Amino acid sequence: MGRKKGLPEFEETAPDGFDPANPYKDPVAMVEMREHIVREKWIQIEKAKILREKVKWCYRVEGVNHYQKCRLLVQKYLDSTRGVGWGKDHRPISLHGPKPEAVEAE
């Protein structure tokens, strides 16, 4: 047996049945949404790492002229790192806070 050739297939869009107003309504869609969010965060983090390596290379190659020659690359890197990473997703408290108390029906 050998390795499978080809690329793995991933869903690149958010799940269809996920309801942000009631995330626990469909547990499968909630898990798929969580996996989608994690995958997108990793993609953003890896893009920032690639840009950081390009900035390092540009600084080494350009030497004293790196302020002028690498300006656009540094701006792209800084823009890619804003709001990226764990704990910076700015989700509303309703999605990850405590469950609201059930109101008793009379």
PDB file of N, CA and C in Angstrom:
ATOM      1  N   MET A   1       0.831  -1.188   0.000  1.00  0.00           N
ATOM      2  CA  MET A   1       0.000   0.000   0.000  1.00  0.00           C
ATOM      3  C   MET A   1       0.865   1.238   0.000  1.00  0.00           C
ATOM      4  N   GLY A   2       0.440   2.179  -0.727  1.00  0.00           N
ATOM      5  CA  GLY A   2       1.163   3.437  -0.802  1.00  0.00           C
ATOM      6  C   GLY A   2       0.316   4.587  -0.294  1.00  0.00           C
ATOM      7  N   ARG A   3       0.870   5.724  -0.381  1.00  0.00           N
ATOM      8  CA  ARG A   3       0.129   6.917   0.023  1.00  0.00           C
ATOM      9  C   ARG A   3      -0.922   7.266  -1.006  1.00  0.00           C
ATOM     10  N   LYS A   4      -1.952   7.907  -0.527  1.00  0.00           N
ATOM     11  CA  LYS A   4      -2.945   8.427  -1.459  1.00  0.00           C
ATOM     12  C   LYS A   4      -2.378   9.670  -2.124  1.00  0.00           C
ATOM     13  N   LYS A   5      -2.577   9.765  -3.404  1.00  0.00           N
ATOM     14  CA  LYS A   5      -2.097  10.938  -4.116  1.00  0.00           C
ATOM     15  C   LYS A   5      -3.222  11.942  -4.234  1.00  0.00           C
ATOM     16  N   GLY A   6      -2.864  13.190  -4.201  1.00  0.00           N
ATOM     17  CA  GLY A   6      -3.862  14.238  -4.298  1.00  0.00           C
ATOM     18  C   GLY A   6      -3.906  15.051  -3.018  1.00  0.00           C
ATOM     19  N   LEU A   7      -4.768  16.007  -3.008  1.00  0.00           N
ATOM     20  CA  LEU A   7      -4.910  16.894  -1.861  1.00  0.00           C
ATOM     21  C   LEU A   7      -6.160  16.549  -1.067  1.00  0.00           C
ATOM     22  N   PRO A   8      -6.112  16.744   0.241  1.00  0.00           N
ATOM     23  CA  PRO A   8      -7.329  16.521   1.019  1.00  0.00           C
ATOM     24  C   PRO A   8      -8.369  17.578   0.681  1.00  0.00           C
ATOM     25  N   GLU A   9      -9.613  17.207   0.803  1.00  0.00           N
ATOM     26  CA  GLU A   9     -10.689  18.135   0.487  1.00  0.00           C
ATOM     27  C   GLU A   9     -11.303  18.667   1.774  1.00  0.00           C
ATOM     28  N   PHE A  10     -11.425  19.978   1.877  1.00  0.00           N
ATOM     29  CA  PHE A  10     -12.026  20.623   3.026  1.00  0.00           C
ATOM     30  C   PHE A  10     -13.161  21.510   2.563  1.00  0.00           C
ATOM     31  N   GLU A  11     -14.151  21.626   3.404  1.00  0.00           N
ATOM     32  CA  GLU A  11     -15.202  22.598   3.153  1.00  0.00           C
ATOM     33  C   GLU A  11     -14.629  23.970   3.460  1.00  0.00           C
ATOM     34  N   GLU A  12     -14.655  24.870   2.525  1.00  0.00           N
ATOM     35  CA  GLU A  12     -14.076  26.191   2.719  1.00  0.00           C
ATOM     36  C   GLU A  12     -15.094  27.214   3.185  1.00  0.00           C
ATOM     37  N   THR A  13     -16.346  26.812   3.302  1.00  0.00           N
ATOM     38  CA  THR A  13     -17.376  27.730   3.746  1.00  0.00           C
ATOM     39  C   THR A  13     -17.899  27.303   5.106  1.00  0.00           C
ATOM     40  N   ALA A  14     -18.578  28.215   5.760  1.00  0.00           N
ATOM     41  CA  ALA A  14     -19.174  27.902   7.055  1.00  0.00           C
ATOM     42  C   ALA A  14     -20.310  26.892   6.860  1.00  0.00           C
ATOM     43  N   PRO A  15     -20.629  26.106   7.883  1.00  0.00           N
ATOM     44  CA  PRO A  15     -21.705  25.131   7.731  1.00  0.00           C
ATOM     45  C   PRO A  15     -23.064  25.807   7.500  1.00  0.00           C
ATOM     46  N   ASP A  16     -23.907  25.115   6.765  1.00  0.00           N
ATOM     47  CA  ASP A  16     -25.194  25.700   6.381  1.00  0.00           C
ATOM     48  C   ASP A  16     -26.178  25.779   7.541  1.00  0.00           C
ATOM     49  N   GLY A  17     -26.222  24.768   8.398  1.00  0.00           N
ATOM     50  CA  GLY A  17     -27.249  24.710   9.425  1.00  0.00           C
ATOM     51  C   GLY A  17     -26.923  25.438  10.716  1.00  0.00           C
ATOM     52  N   PHE A  18     -25.852  26.212  10.757  1.00  0.00           N
ATOM     53  CA  PHE A  18     -25.459  26.880  11.998  1.00  0.00           C
ATOM     54  C   PHE A  18     -26.284  28.139  12.211  1.00  0.00           C
ATOM     55  N   ASP A  19     -26.853  28.254  13.415  1.00  0.00           N
ATOM     56  CA  ASP A  19     -27.655  29.423  13.772  1.00  0.00           C
ATOM     57  C   ASP A  19     -26.923  30.168  14.890  1.00  0.00           C
ATOM     58  N   PRO A  20     -26.343  31.362  14.616  1.00  0.00           N
ATOM     59  CA  PRO A  20     -25.609  32.085  15.657  1.00  0.00           C
ATOM     60  C   PRO A  20     -26.485  32.515  16.831  1.00  0.00           C
ATOM     61  N   ALA A  21     -27.792  32.686  16.605  1.00  0.00           N
ATOM     62  CA  ALA A  21     -28.676  33.083  17.698  1.00  0.00           C
ATOM     63  C   ALA A  21     -28.877  31.939  18.682  1.00  0.00           C
ATOM     64  N   ASN A  22     -28.836  30.698  18.202  1.00  0.00           N
ATOM     65  CA  ASN A  22     -29.004  29.528  19.055  1.00  0.00           C
ATOM     66  C   ASN A  22     -27.981  28.475  18.628  1.00  0.00           C
ATOM     67  N   PRO A  23     -26.710  28.605  19.058  1.00  0.00           N
ATOM     68  CA  PRO A  23     -25.672  27.711  18.554  1.00  0.00           C
ATOM     69  C   PRO A  23     -25.820  26.261  19.017  1.00  0.00           C
ATOM     70  N   TYR A  24     -26.517  26.021  20.128  1.00  0.00           N
ATOM     71  CA  TYR A  24     -26.635  24.659  20.651  1.00  0.00           C
ATOM     72  C   TYR A  24     -27.821  23.915  20.070  1.00  0.00           C
ATOM     73  N   LYS A  25     -28.536  24.526  19.153  1.00  0.00           N
ATOM     74  CA  LYS A  25     -29.693  23.879  18.531  1.00  0.00           C
ATOM     75  C   LYS A  25     -29.256  22.675  17.710  1.00  0.00           C
ATOM     76  N   ASP A  26     -28.204  22.831  16.951  1.00  0.00           N
ATOM     77  CA  ASP A  26     -27.673  21.732  16.130  1.00  0.00           C
ATOM     78  C   ASP A  26     -26.220  21.499  16.527  1.00  0.00           C
ATOM     79  N   PRO A  27     -25.955  20.468  17.352  1.00  0.00           N
ATOM     80  CA  PRO A  27     -24.586  20.264  17.839  1.00  0.00           C
ATOM     81  C   PRO A  27     -23.580  19.947  16.727  1.00  0.00           C
ATOM     82  N   VAL A  28     -24.016  19.261  15.685  1.00  0.00           N
ATOM     83  CA  VAL A  28     -23.108  18.924  14.589  1.00  0.00           C
ATOM     84  C   VAL A  28     -22.675  20.193  13.855  1.00  0.00           C
ATOM     85  N   ALA A  29     -23.632  21.078  13.593  1.00  0.00           N
ATOM     86  CA  ALA A  29     -23.309  22.341  12.923  1.00  0.00           C
ATOM     87  C   ALA A  29     -22.422  23.204  13.812  1.00  0.00           C
ATOM     88  N   MET A  30     -22.624  23.142  15.141  1.00  0.00           N
ATOM     89  CA  MET A  30     -21.793  23.925  16.057  1.00  0.00           C
ATOM     90  C   MET A  30     -20.341  23.450  16.005  1.00  0.00           C
ATOM     91  N   VAL A  31     -20.142  22.122  16.001  1.00  0.00           N
ATOM     92  CA  VAL A  31     -18.781  21.584  15.930  1.00  0.00           C
ATOM     93  C   VAL A  31     -18.147  21.924  14.585  1.00  0.00           C
ATOM     94  N   GLU A  32     -18.918  21.823  13.513  1.00  0.00           N
ATOM     95  CA  GLU A  32     -18.390  22.176  12.192  1.00  0.00           C
ATOM     96  C   GLU A  32     -18.017  23.653  12.131  1.00  0.00           C
ATOM     97  N   MET A  33     -18.829  24.508  12.761  1.00  0.00           N
ATOM     98  CA  MET A  33     -18.522  25.941  12.779  1.00  0.00           C
ATOM     99  C   MET A  33     -17.253  26.207  13.572  1.00  0.00           C
ATOM    100  N   ARG A  34     -17.101  25.515  14.704  1.00  0.00           N
ATOM    101  CA  ARG A  34     -15.885  25.675  15.505  1.00  0.00           C
ATOM    102  C   ARG A  34     -14.654  25.244  14.710  1.00  0.00           C
ATOM    103  N   GLU A  35     -14.753  24.104  14.005  1.00  0.00           N
ATOM    104  CA  GLU A  35     -13.637  23.653  13.171  1.00  0.00           C
ATOM    105  C   GLU A  35     -13.344  24.643  12.050  1.00  0.00           C
ATOM    106  N   HIS A  36     -14.381  25.226  11.488  1.00  0.00           N
ATOM    107  CA  HIS A  36     -14.200  26.226  10.427  1.00  0.00           C
ATOM    108  C   HIS A  36     -13.461  27.449  10.964  1.00  0.00           C
ATOM    109  N   ILE A  37     -13.856  27.925  12.149  1.00  0.00           N
ATOM    110  CA  ILE A  37     -13.205  29.091  12.747  1.00  0.00           C
ATOM    111  C   ILE A  37     -11.740  28.787  13.045  1.00  0.00           C
ATOM    112  N   VAL A  38     -11.459  27.611  13.589  1.00  0.00           N
ATOM    113  CA  VAL A  38     -10.077  27.233  13.916  1.00  0.00           C
ATOM    114  C   VAL A  38      -9.235  27.138  12.648  1.00  0.00           C
ATOM    115  N   ARG A  39      -9.798  26.533  11.606  1.00  0.00           N
ATOM    116  CA  ARG A  39      -9.057  26.402  10.343  1.00  0.00           C
ATOM    117  C   ARG A  39      -8.745  27.764   9.752  1.00  0.00           C
ATOM    118  N   GLU A  40      -9.708  28.680   9.787  1.00  0.00           N
ATOM    119  CA  GLU A  40      -9.464  30.017   9.245  1.00  0.00           C
ATOM    120  C   GLU A  40      -8.412  30.770  10.062  1.00  0.00           C
ATOM    121  N   LYS A  41      -8.418  30.592  11.384  1.00  0.00           N
ATOM    122  CA  LYS A  41      -7.403  31.239  12.219  1.00  0.00           C
ATOM    123  C   LYS A  41      -6.012  30.707  11.881  1.00  0.00           C
ATOM    124  N   TRP A  42      -5.899  29.390  11.711  1.00  0.00           N
ATOM    125  CA  TRP A  42      -4.581  28.823  11.375  1.00  0.00           C
ATOM    126  C   TRP A  42      -4.094  29.333  10.026  1.00  0.00           C
ATOM    127  N   ILE A  43      -4.991  29.487   9.090  1.00  0.00           N
ATOM    128  CA  ILE A  43      -4.601  30.011   7.778  1.00  0.00           C
ATOM    129  C   ILE A  43      -4.069  31.428   7.912  1.00  0.00           C
ATOM    130  N   GLN A  44      -4.759  32.267   8.697  1.00  0.00           N
ATOM    131  CA  GLN A  44      -4.301  33.643   8.895  1.00  0.00           C
ATOM    132  C   GLN A  44      -2.949  33.679   9.607  1.00  0.00           C
ATOM    133  N   ILE A  45      -2.764  32.808  10.594  1.00  0.00           N
ATOM    134  CA  ILE A  45      -1.497  32.767  11.330  1.00  0.00           C
ATOM    135  C   ILE A  45      -0.361  32.352  10.406  1.00  0.00           C
ATOM    136  N   GLU A  46      -0.595  31.351   9.583  1.00  0.00           N
ATOM    137  CA  GLU A  46       0.455  30.882   8.672  1.00  0.00           C
ATOM    138  C   GLU A  46       0.791  31.925   7.608  1.00  0.00           C
ATOM    139  N   LYS A  47      -0.214  32.665   7.135  1.00  0.00           N
ATOM    140  CA  LYS A  47       0.064  33.744   6.177  1.00  0.00           C
ATOM    141  C   LYS A  47       0.951  34.810   6.821  1.00  0.00           C
ATOM    142  N   ALA A  48       0.672  35.126   8.080  1.00  0.00           N
ATOM    143  CA  ALA A  48       1.492  36.122   8.783  1.00  0.00           C
ATOM    144  C   ALA A  48       2.919  35.611   8.954  1.00  0.00           C
ATOM    145  N   LYS A  49       3.095  34.322   9.224  1.00  0.00           N
ATOM    146  CA  LYS A  49       4.441  33.760   9.367  1.00  0.00           C
ATOM    147  C   LYS A  49       5.213  33.841   8.055  1.00  0.00           C
ATOM    148  N   ILE A  50       4.536  33.570   6.960  1.00  0.00           N
ATOM    149  CA  ILE A  50       5.198  33.648   5.654  1.00  0.00           C
ATOM    150  C   ILE A  50       5.629  35.079   5.363  1.00  0.00           C
ATOM    151  N   LEU A  51       4.744  36.038   5.649  1.00  0.00           N
ATOM    152  CA  LEU A  51       5.107  37.442   5.431  1.00  0.00           C
ATOM    153  C   LEU A  51       6.255  37.861   6.347  1.00  0.00           C
ATOM    154  N   ARG A  52       6.297  37.356   7.570  1.00  0.00           N
ATOM    155  CA  ARG A  52       7.394  37.684   8.487  1.00  0.00           C
ATOM    156  C   ARG A  52       8.723  37.180   7.939  1.00  0.00           C
ATOM    157  N   GLU A  53       8.723  35.985   7.372  1.00  0.00           N
ATOM    158  CA  GLU A  53       9.957  35.464   6.775  1.00  0.00           C
ATOM    159  C   GLU A  53      10.390  36.325   5.581  1.00  0.00           C
ATOM    160  N   LYS A  54       9.432  36.793   4.791  1.00  0.00           N
ATOM    161  CA  LYS A  54       9.772  37.665   3.660  1.00  0.00           C
ATOM    162  C   LYS A  54      10.354  38.988   4.147  1.00  0.00           C
ATOM    163  N   VAL A  55       9.799  39.526   5.246  1.00  0.00           N
ATOM    164  CA  VAL A  55      10.319  40.785   5.804  1.00  0.00           C
ATOM    165  C   VAL A  55      11.747  40.585   6.304  1.00  0.00           C
ATOM    166  N   LYS A  56      12.011  39.461   6.988  1.00  0.00           N
ATOM    167  CA  LYS A  56      13.376  39.174   7.455  1.00  0.00           C
ATOM    168  C   LYS A  56      14.344  39.108   6.281  1.00  0.00           C
ATOM    169  N   TRP A  57      13.935  38.407   5.232  1.00  0.00           N
ATOM    170  CA  TRP A  57      14.789  38.275   4.057  1.00  0.00           C
ATOM    171  C   TRP A  57      15.046  39.642   3.431  1.00  0.00           C
ATOM    172  N   CYS A  58      14.008  40.466   3.332  1.00  0.00           N
ATOM    173  CA  CYS A  58      14.152  41.792   2.738  1.00  0.00           C
ATOM    174  C   CYS A  58      15.108  42.653   3.564  1.00  0.00           C
ATOM    175  N   TYR A  59      14.989  42.599   4.892  1.00  0.00           N
ATOM    176  CA  TYR A  59      15.893  43.371   5.749  1.00  0.00           C
ATOM    177  C   TYR A  59      17.343  42.942   5.544  1.00  0.00           C
ATOM    178  N   ARG A  60      17.574  41.644   5.424  1.00  0.00           N
ATOM    179  CA  ARG A  60      18.947  41.154   5.255  1.00  0.00           C
ATOM    180  C   ARG A  60      19.523  41.557   3.903  1.00  0.00           C
ATOM    181  N   VAL A  61      18.710  41.458   2.870  1.00  0.00           N
ATOM    182  CA  VAL A  61      19.198  41.734   1.518  1.00  0.00           C
ATOM    183  C   VAL A  61      19.397  43.228   1.296  1.00  0.00           C
ATOM    184  N   GLU A  62      18.467  44.047   1.738  1.00  0.00           N
ATOM    185  CA  GLU A  62      18.509  45.473   1.432  1.00  0.00           C
ATOM    186  C   GLU A  62      19.453  46.265   2.335  1.00  0.00           C
ATOM    187  N   GLY A  63      19.734  45.741   3.508  1.00  0.00           N
ATOM    188  CA  GLY A  63      20.679  46.420   4.392  1.00  0.00           C
ATOM    189  C   GLY A  63      20.155  47.762   4.868  1.00  0.00           C
ATOM    190  N   VAL A  64      20.967  48.828   4.666  1.00  0.00           N
ATOM    191  CA  VAL A  64      20.610  50.144   5.192  1.00  0.00           C
ATOM    192  C   VAL A  64      19.424  50.771   4.463  1.00  0.00           C
ATOM    193  N   ASN A  65      19.081  50.275   3.289  1.00  0.00           N
ATOM    194  CA  ASN A  65      17.957  50.835   2.534  1.00  0.00           C
ATOM    195  C   ASN A  65      16.634  50.133   2.830  1.00  0.00           C
ATOM    196  N   HIS A  66      16.605  49.309   3.876  1.00  0.00           N
ATOM    197  CA  HIS A  66      15.400  48.521   4.129  1.00  0.00           C
ATOM    198  C   HIS A  66      14.199  49.394   4.507  1.00  0.00           C
ATOM    199  N   TYR A  67      14.418  50.597   5.019  1.00  0.00           N
ATOM    200  CA  TYR A  67      13.289  51.465   5.354  1.00  0.00           C
ATOM    201  C   TYR A  67      12.479  51.813   4.107  1.00  0.00           C
ATOM    202  N   GLN A  68      13.160  52.046   3.007  1.00  0.00           N
ATOM    203  CA  GLN A  68      12.470  52.413   1.776  1.00  0.00           C
ATOM    204  C   GLN A  68      12.053  51.191   0.974  1.00  0.00           C
ATOM    205  N   LYS A  69      12.928  50.205   0.866  1.00  0.00           N
ATOM    206  CA  LYS A  69      12.685  49.072  -0.017  1.00  0.00           C
ATOM    207  C   LYS A  69      11.655  48.084   0.541  1.00  0.00           C
ATOM    208  N   CYS A  70      11.577  47.952   1.853  1.00  0.00           N
ATOM    209  CA  CYS A  70      10.710  46.944   2.466  1.00  0.00           C
ATOM    210  C   CYS A  70       9.442  47.534   3.073  1.00  0.00           C
ATOM    211  N   ARG A  71       9.187  48.801   2.831  1.00  0.00           N
ATOM    212  CA  ARG A  71       8.068  49.484   3.485  1.00  0.00           C
ATOM    213  C   ARG A  71       6.728  48.802   3.194  1.00  0.00           C
ATOM    214  N   LEU A  72       6.450  48.496   1.929  1.00  0.00           N
ATOM    215  CA  LEU A  72       5.168  47.899   1.570  1.00  0.00           C
ATOM    216  C   LEU A  72       5.012  46.495   2.153  1.00  0.00           C
ATOM    217  N   LEU A  73       6.102  45.749   2.156  1.00  0.00           N
ATOM    218  CA  LEU A  73       6.073  44.400   2.720  1.00  0.00           C
ATOM    219  C   LEU A  73       5.821  44.440   4.221  1.00  0.00           C
ATOM    220  N   VAL A  74       6.446  45.386   4.900  1.00  0.00           N
ATOM    221  CA  VAL A  74       6.235  45.532   6.346  1.00  0.00           C
ATOM    222  C   VAL A  74       4.795  45.947   6.616  1.00  0.00           C
ATOM    223  N   GLN A  75       4.236  46.816   5.794  1.00  0.00           N
ATOM    224  CA  GLN A  75       2.846  47.237   5.987  1.00  0.00           C
ATOM    225  C   GLN A  75       1.895  46.062   5.804  1.00  0.00           C
ATOM    226  N   LYS A  76       2.151  45.206   4.805  1.00  0.00           N
ATOM    227  CA  LYS A  76       1.332  44.008   4.612  1.00  0.00           C
ATOM    228  C   LYS A  76       1.423  43.094   5.824  1.00  0.00           C
ATOM    229  N   TYR A  77       2.645  42.931   6.355  1.00  0.00           N
ATOM    230  CA  TYR A  77       2.835  42.071   7.527  1.00  0.00           C
ATOM    231  C   TYR A  77       2.087  42.619   8.734  1.00  0.00           C
ATOM    232  N   LEU A  78       2.196  43.921   8.977  1.00  0.00           N
ATOM    233  CA  LEU A  78       1.509  44.516  10.124  1.00  0.00           C
ATOM    234  C   LEU A  78      -0.009  44.413   9.970  1.00  0.00           C
ATOM    235  N   ASP A  79      -0.506  44.605   8.768  1.00  0.00           N
ATOM    236  CA  ASP A  79      -1.943  44.464   8.538  1.00  0.00           C
ATOM    237  C   ASP A  79      -2.400  43.025   8.747  1.00  0.00           C
ATOM    238  N   SER A  80      -1.555  42.062   8.386  1.00  0.00           N
ATOM    239  CA  SER A  80      -1.945  40.654   8.529  1.00  0.00           C
ATOM    240  C   SER A  80      -1.914  40.192   9.978  1.00  0.00           C
ATOM    241  N   THR A  81      -1.188  40.887  10.851  1.00  0.00           N
ATOM    242  CA  THR A  81      -1.112  40.454  12.246  1.00  0.00           C
ATOM    243  C   THR A  81      -2.151  41.123  13.132  1.00  0.00           C
ATOM    244  N   ARG A  82      -2.848  42.105  12.634  1.00  0.00           N
ATOM    245  CA  ARG A  82      -3.866  42.772  13.457  1.00  0.00           C
ATOM    246  C   ARG A  82      -5.085  41.877  13.597  1.00  0.00           C
ATOM    247  N   GLY A  83      -5.450  41.568  14.831  1.00  0.00           N
ATOM    248  CA  GLY A  83      -6.628  40.749  15.085  1.00  0.00           C
ATOM    249  C   GLY A  83      -6.446  39.273  14.798  1.00  0.00           C
ATOM    250  N   VAL A  84      -5.209  38.822  14.640  1.00  0.00           N
ATOM    251  CA  VAL A  84      -4.948  37.419  14.353  1.00  0.00           C
ATOM    252  C   VAL A  84      -4.420  36.758  15.605  1.00  0.00           C
ATOM    253  N   GLY A  85      -4.858  35.562  15.838  1.00  0.00           N
ATOM    254  CA  GLY A  85      -4.360  34.804  16.978  1.00  0.00           C
ATOM    255  C   GLY A  85      -5.495  34.366  17.873  1.00  0.00           C
ATOM    256  N   TRP A  86      -5.151  33.601  18.868  1.00  0.00           N
ATOM    257  CA  TRP A  86      -6.159  33.047  19.763  1.00  0.00           C
ATOM    258  C   TRP A  86      -6.531  34.088  20.803  1.00  0.00           C
ATOM    259  N   GLY A  87      -7.813  34.168  21.126  1.00  0.00           N
ATOM    260  CA  GLY A  87      -8.298  35.095  22.130  1.00  0.00           C
ATOM    261  C   GLY A  87      -8.570  36.480  21.583  1.00  0.00           C
ATOM    262  N   LYS A  88      -8.502  36.653  20.266  1.00  0.00           N
ATOM    263  CA  LYS A  88      -8.712  37.968  19.670  1.00  0.00           C
ATOM    264  C   LYS A  88      -9.852  37.932  18.664  1.00  0.00           C
ATOM    265  N   ASP A  89     -10.783  37.018  18.857  1.00  0.00           N
ATOM    266  CA  ASP A  89     -11.820  36.861  17.844  1.00  0.00           C
ATOM    267  C   ASP A  89     -13.009  37.778  18.061  1.00  0.00           C
ATOM    268  N   HIS A  90     -13.119  38.430  19.217  1.00  0.00           N
ATOM    269  CA  HIS A  90     -14.162  39.416  19.496  1.00  0.00           C
ATOM    270  C   HIS A  90     -15.568  38.864  19.280  1.00  0.00           C
ATOM    271  N   ARG A  91     -15.756  37.607  19.683  1.00  0.00           N
ATOM    272  CA  ARG A  91     -17.096  37.046  19.594  1.00  0.00           C
ATOM    273  C   ARG A  91     -17.966  37.655  20.674  1.00  0.00           C
ATOM    274  N   PRO A  92     -19.255  37.791  20.417  1.00  0.00           N
ATOM    275  CA  PRO A  92     -20.130  38.318  21.461  1.00  0.00           C
ATOM    276  C   PRO A  92     -20.234  37.334  22.624  1.00  0.00           C
ATOM    277  N   ILE A  93     -20.481  37.850  23.797  1.00  0.00           N
ATOM    278  CA  ILE A  93     -20.545  37.028  25.013  1.00  0.00           C
ATOM    279  C   ILE A  93     -21.644  35.982  24.902  1.00  0.00           C
ATOM    280  N   SER A  94     -22.681  36.272  24.136  1.00  0.00           N
ATOM    281  CA  SER A  94     -23.793  35.327  24.034  1.00  0.00           C
ATOM    282  C   SER A  94     -23.357  33.991  23.433  1.00  0.00           C
ATOM    283  N   LEU A  95     -22.271  33.971  22.675  1.00  0.00           N
ATOM    284  CA  LEU A  95     -21.820  32.719  22.071  1.00  0.00           C
ATOM    285  C   LEU A  95     -20.948  31.896  22.998  1.00  0.00           C
ATOM    286  N   HIS A  96     -20.248  32.520  23.933  1.00  0.00           N
ATOM    287  CA  HIS A  96     -19.348  31.736  24.768  1.00  0.00           C
ATOM    288  C   HIS A  96     -19.499  32.024  26.260  1.00  0.00           C
ATOM    289  N   GLY A  97     -20.521  32.774  26.624  1.00  0.00           N
ATOM    290  CA  GLY A  97     -20.750  33.082  28.022  1.00  0.00           C
ATOM    291  C   GLY A  97     -21.601  32.017  28.689  1.00  0.00           C
ATOM    292  N   PRO A  98     -21.973  32.249  29.941  1.00  0.00           N
ATOM    293  CA  PRO A  98     -22.816  31.282  30.640  1.00  0.00           C
ATOM    294  C   PRO A  98     -24.204  31.229  30.014  1.00  0.00           C
ATOM    295  N   LYS A  99     -24.845  30.065  30.146  1.00  0.00           N
ATOM    296  CA  LYS A  99     -26.183  29.898  29.589  1.00  0.00           C
ATOM    297  C   LYS A  99     -27.181  30.727  30.390  1.00  0.00           C
ATOM    298  N   PRO A 100     -28.131  31.356  29.717  1.00  0.00           N
ATOM    299  CA  PRO A 100     -29.141  32.130  30.455  1.00  0.00           C
ATOM    300  C   PRO A 100     -30.056  31.190  31.239  1.00  0.00           C
ATOM    301  N   GLU A 101     -30.519  31.657  32.381  1.00  0.00           N
ATOM    302  CA  GLU A 101     -31.413  30.864  33.226  1.00  0.00           C
ATOM    303  C   GLU A 101     -32.752  30.689  32.522  1.00  0.00           C
ATOM    304  N   ALA A 102     -33.324  29.509  32.657  1.00  0.00           N
ATOM    305  CA  ALA A 102     -34.631  29.243  32.055  1.00  0.00           C
ATOM    306  C   ALA A 102     -35.715  29.947  32.877  1.00  0.00           C
ATOM    307  N   VAL A 103     -36.630  30.595  32.179  1.00  0.00           N
ATOM    308  CA  VAL A 103     -37.718  31.304  32.840  1.00  0.00           C
ATOM    309  C   VAL A 103     -38.825  30.289  33.136  1.00  0.00           C
ATOM    310  N   GLU A 104     -39.288  30.265  34.373  1.00  0.00           N
ATOM    311  CA  GLU A 104     -40.334  29.306  34.750  1.00  0.00           C
ATOM    312  C   GLU A 104     -41.673  29.764  34.201  1.00  0.00           C
ATOM    313  N   ALA A 105     -42.362  28.835  33.556  1.00  0.00           N
ATOM    314  CA  ALA A 105     -43.697  29.138  33.020  1.00  0.00           C
ATOM    315  C   ALA A 105     -44.735  28.969  34.121  1.00  0.00           C
ATOM    316  N   GLU A 106     -45.657  29.896  34.229  1.00  0.00           N
ATOM    317  CA  GLU A 106     -46.681  29.812  35.277  1.00  0.00           C
ATOM    318  C   GLU A 106     -47.987  29.338  34.738  1.00  0.00           C
TER     319      GLU A 106
END
